């Protein structure tokens, strides 16, 4: 049977019509989202362990639920030396959210790596979004100072990652030319 071409299976036809997963444009938002989940995992870790969690819960209660109500204080403060059951429940939930955010971060990071031609690019974007979002959330939620020294160190890390990424990208383009 000369000239006979086998029929394409439905799976092969679908794959041909699907957009390319290796497009770098789809990797960037996924890497940013992965960095966001990494930053959220840090926030939940802090809420799990920090002594200011009770103050944060009281502030949230005053702001959102019952402004100027004495119930906000009594809900989160138990007898001396004891922890309120609500605080224990919130800390337990935050502990679980650490694992959920980390699982989401690794899933998205892996997807971004699969969609990108350069793993260094995904790593740079993930790290930069994680650094910046962690700093902003720490400042907004926990009143942590953002010293110039911190920004300088984070900038050096990002610049170093960009340099590694550009070196890896140039190596990939050299390989394609050969």
Protein backbone atom coordinates (compact mmCIF):
# COMPACT_ATOMS: atom_id res chain seq x y z
CA UNK A 1 0.00 0.00 0.00
CA UNK A 2 2.16 2.74 -1.19
CA UNK A 3 1.09 6.24 -0.34
CA UNK A 4 -1.01 5.05 2.61
CA UNK A 5 -0.74 7.26 5.64
CA UNK A 6 -1.95 5.97 8.98
CA UNK A 7 -4.87 7.81 10.53
CA UNK A 8 -4.05 10.16 13.31
CA UNK A 9 -5.54 9.24 16.62
CA UNK A 10 -7.79 11.74 18.41
CA UNK A 11 -5.09 12.24 21.05
CA UNK A 12 -2.53 13.13 18.39
CA UNK A 13 -4.96 15.54 16.74
CA UNK A 14 -5.69 17.21 20.09
CA UNK A 15 -2.00 17.57 20.83
CA UNK A 16 -1.41 19.21 17.46
CA UNK A 17 -4.17 21.77 18.10
CA UNK A 18 -3.19 22.58 21.68
CA UNK A 19 -1.07 25.66 22.34
CA UNK A 20 2.56 24.98 23.02
CA UNK A 21 3.27 24.49 26.72
CA UNK A 22 6.85 25.60 26.29
CA UNK A 23 5.93 29.20 25.58
CA UNK A 24 7.82 31.41 28.02
CA UNK A 25 4.82 33.73 28.33
CA UNK A 26 2.85 31.06 30.17
CA UNK A 27 5.76 30.24 32.46
CA UNK A 28 6.16 33.76 33.86
CA UNK A 29 2.70 34.15 35.47
CA UNK A 30 2.98 30.61 36.83
CA UNK A 31 6.39 31.38 38.36
CA UNK A 32 5.02 34.60 39.91
CA UNK A 33 2.10 32.67 41.38
CA UNK A 34 4.51 30.07 42.76
CA UNK A 35 6.48 32.86 44.46
CA UNK A 36 3.22 34.24 45.86
CA UNK A 37 2.35 30.91 47.47
CA UNK A 38 5.87 30.70 48.92
CA UNK A 39 5.39 34.13 50.50
CA UNK A 40 1.98 33.12 51.86
CA UNK A 41 3.52 30.01 53.41
CA UNK A 42 5.93 32.32 55.25
CA UNK A 43 3.05 34.45 56.53
CA UNK A 44 1.19 31.39 57.80
CA UNK A 45 4.36 30.10 59.48
CA UNK A 46 4.73 33.42 61.28
CA UNK A 47 1.06 33.37 62.32
CA UNK A 48 1.52 29.83 63.65
CA UNK A 49 4.49 30.65 65.86
CA UNK A 50 4.53 34.38 66.56
CA UNK A 51 3.43 35.82 69.90
CA UNK A 52 1.78 38.70 68.05
CA UNK A 53 -0.85 36.38 66.57
CA UNK A 54 -3.27 37.30 69.38
CA UNK A 55 -2.75 41.01 68.68
CA UNK A 56 -3.30 40.39 64.97
CA UNK A 57 -6.54 38.50 65.68
CA UNK A 58 -7.78 41.25 67.99
CA UNK A 59 -7.04 43.88 65.36
CA UNK A 60 -8.89 41.84 62.73
CA UNK A 61 -11.85 41.40 65.10
CA UNK A 62 -12.03 45.13 65.86
CA UNK A 63 -11.70 46.01 62.18
CA UNK A 64 -14.07 43.52 60.58
CA UNK A 65 -16.53 42.06 63.05
CA UNK A 66 -17.42 44.07 66.12
CA UNK A 67 -15.78 47.45 66.33
CA UNK A 68 -15.50 48.83 69.85
CA UNK A 69 -16.73 45.59 71.39
CA UNK A 70 -15.17 44.04 74.51
CA UNK A 71 -15.89 40.57 73.06
CA UNK A 72 -12.86 40.82 70.78
CA UNK A 73 -10.58 40.92 73.80
CA UNK A 74 -12.33 38.12 75.67
CA UNK A 75 -12.41 35.81 72.63
CA UNK A 76 -8.66 35.66 72.21
CA UNK A 77 -7.35 35.97 75.75
CA UNK A 78 -7.95 33.06 78.13
CA UNK A 79 -7.04 32.83 81.79
CA UNK A 80 -3.51 33.80 82.68
CA UNK A 81 -0.99 31.34 81.33
CA UNK A 82 -3.55 29.64 79.06
CA UNK A 83 -4.22 29.99 75.37
CA UNK A 84 -7.70 30.65 74.04
CA UNK A 85 -9.26 27.80 72.04
CA UNK A 86 -9.85 30.23 69.17
CA UNK A 87 -6.15 31.09 69.06
CA UNK A 88 -5.26 27.38 69.10
CA UNK A 89 -7.71 26.75 66.23
CA UNK A 90 -6.30 29.66 64.19
CA UNK A 91 -2.72 28.52 64.76
CA UNK A 92 -3.64 24.95 63.80
CA UNK A 93 -5.32 26.20 60.62
CA UNK A 94 -2.27 28.33 59.80
CA UNK A 95 -0.03 25.30 60.37
CA UNK A 96 -2.07 23.34 57.83
CA UNK A 97 -2.03 26.25 55.40
CA UNK A 98 1.78 26.21 55.44
CA UNK A 99 1.72 22.77 53.84
CA UNK A 100 -1.06 23.65 51.42
CA UNK A 101 0.78 26.78 50.24
CA UNK A 102 4.06 24.89 49.90
CA UNK A 103 2.37 22.13 47.90
CA UNK A 104 0.76 24.76 45.63
CA UNK A 105 4.10 26.55 45.27
CA UNK A 106 5.97 23.39 44.25
CA UNK A 107 3.20 22.36 41.84
CA UNK A 108 3.19 25.75 40.14
CA UNK A 109 6.99 25.97 40.16
CA UNK A 110 7.22 22.58 38.45
CA UNK A 111 4.62 23.63 35.86
CA UNK A 112 6.57 26.82 35.21
CA UNK A 113 9.77 24.82 34.76
CA UNK A 114 8.02 22.54 32.26
CA UNK A 115 6.66 25.51 30.31
CA UNK A 116 9.93 27.43 30.16
CA UNK A 117 12.99 26.86 28.03
CA UNK A 118 15.25 28.06 30.84
CA UNK A 119 15.00 26.85 34.42
CA UNK A 120 17.08 29.81 35.58
CA UNK A 121 14.49 32.28 34.29
CA UNK A 122 11.73 30.58 36.27
CA UNK A 123 13.93 30.48 39.36
CA UNK A 124 14.74 34.20 39.09
CA UNK A 125 11.10 35.18 38.68
CA UNK A 126 9.95 32.87 41.47
CA UNK A 127 12.62 34.15 43.87
CA UNK A 128 12.06 37.82 43.04
CA UNK A 129 8.30 37.58 43.53
CA UNK A 130 8.81 35.63 46.76
CA UNK A 131 11.30 38.21 48.13
CA UNK A 132 9.20 41.23 47.24
CA UNK A 133 5.88 39.80 48.37
CA UNK A 134 7.33 38.49 51.62
CA UNK A 135 8.71 41.95 52.36
CA UNK A 136 5.42 43.70 51.56
CA UNK A 137 3.32 41.23 53.55
CA UNK A 138 5.70 41.43 56.50
CA UNK A 139 5.48 45.20 56.43
CA UNK A 140 1.69 45.30 56.01
CA UNK A 141 0.69 42.52 58.40
CA UNK A 142 3.42 42.49 61.03
CA UNK A 143 4.81 46.04 60.85
CA UNK A 144 8.27 44.68 60.09
CA UNK A 145 10.75 47.32 59.02
CA UNK A 146 12.17 47.16 55.52
CA UNK A 147 15.71 48.32 56.03
CA UNK A 148 17.82 49.51 53.14
CA UNK A 149 20.25 46.71 53.94
CA UNK A 150 17.50 44.10 53.34
CA UNK A 151 16.61 45.61 49.96
CA UNK A 152 20.29 45.76 49.02
CA UNK A 153 20.79 42.07 49.88
CA UNK A 154 17.62 41.01 48.04
CA UNK A 155 18.72 43.05 45.02
CA UNK A 156 22.11 41.33 44.97
CA UNK A 157 20.45 37.93 45.05
CA UNK A 158 18.09 38.82 42.20
CA UNK A 159 20.91 40.39 40.13
CA UNK A 160 23.05 37.30 40.66
CA UNK A 161 20.19 35.08 39.59
CA UNK A 162 19.61 37.21 36.50
CA UNK A 163 23.31 36.91 35.59
CA UNK A 164 23.16 33.13 35.95
CA UNK A 165 19.95 33.09 33.90
CA UNK A 166 21.44 35.18 31.11
CA UNK A 167 24.49 32.92 31.00
CA UNK A 168 22.27 29.84 30.76
CA UNK A 169 20.11 31.45 28.07
CA UNK A 170 23.16 32.32 25.98
CA UNK A 171 24.37 28.71 26.32
CA UNK A 172 20.99 27.45 25.07
CA UNK A 173 21.05 29.80 22.06
CA UNK A 174 24.62 28.68 21.20
CA UNK A 175 23.51 25.06 21.25
CA UNK A 176 20.59 25.79 18.91
CA UNK A 177 22.90 27.49 16.38
CA UNK A 178 25.16 24.46 16.26
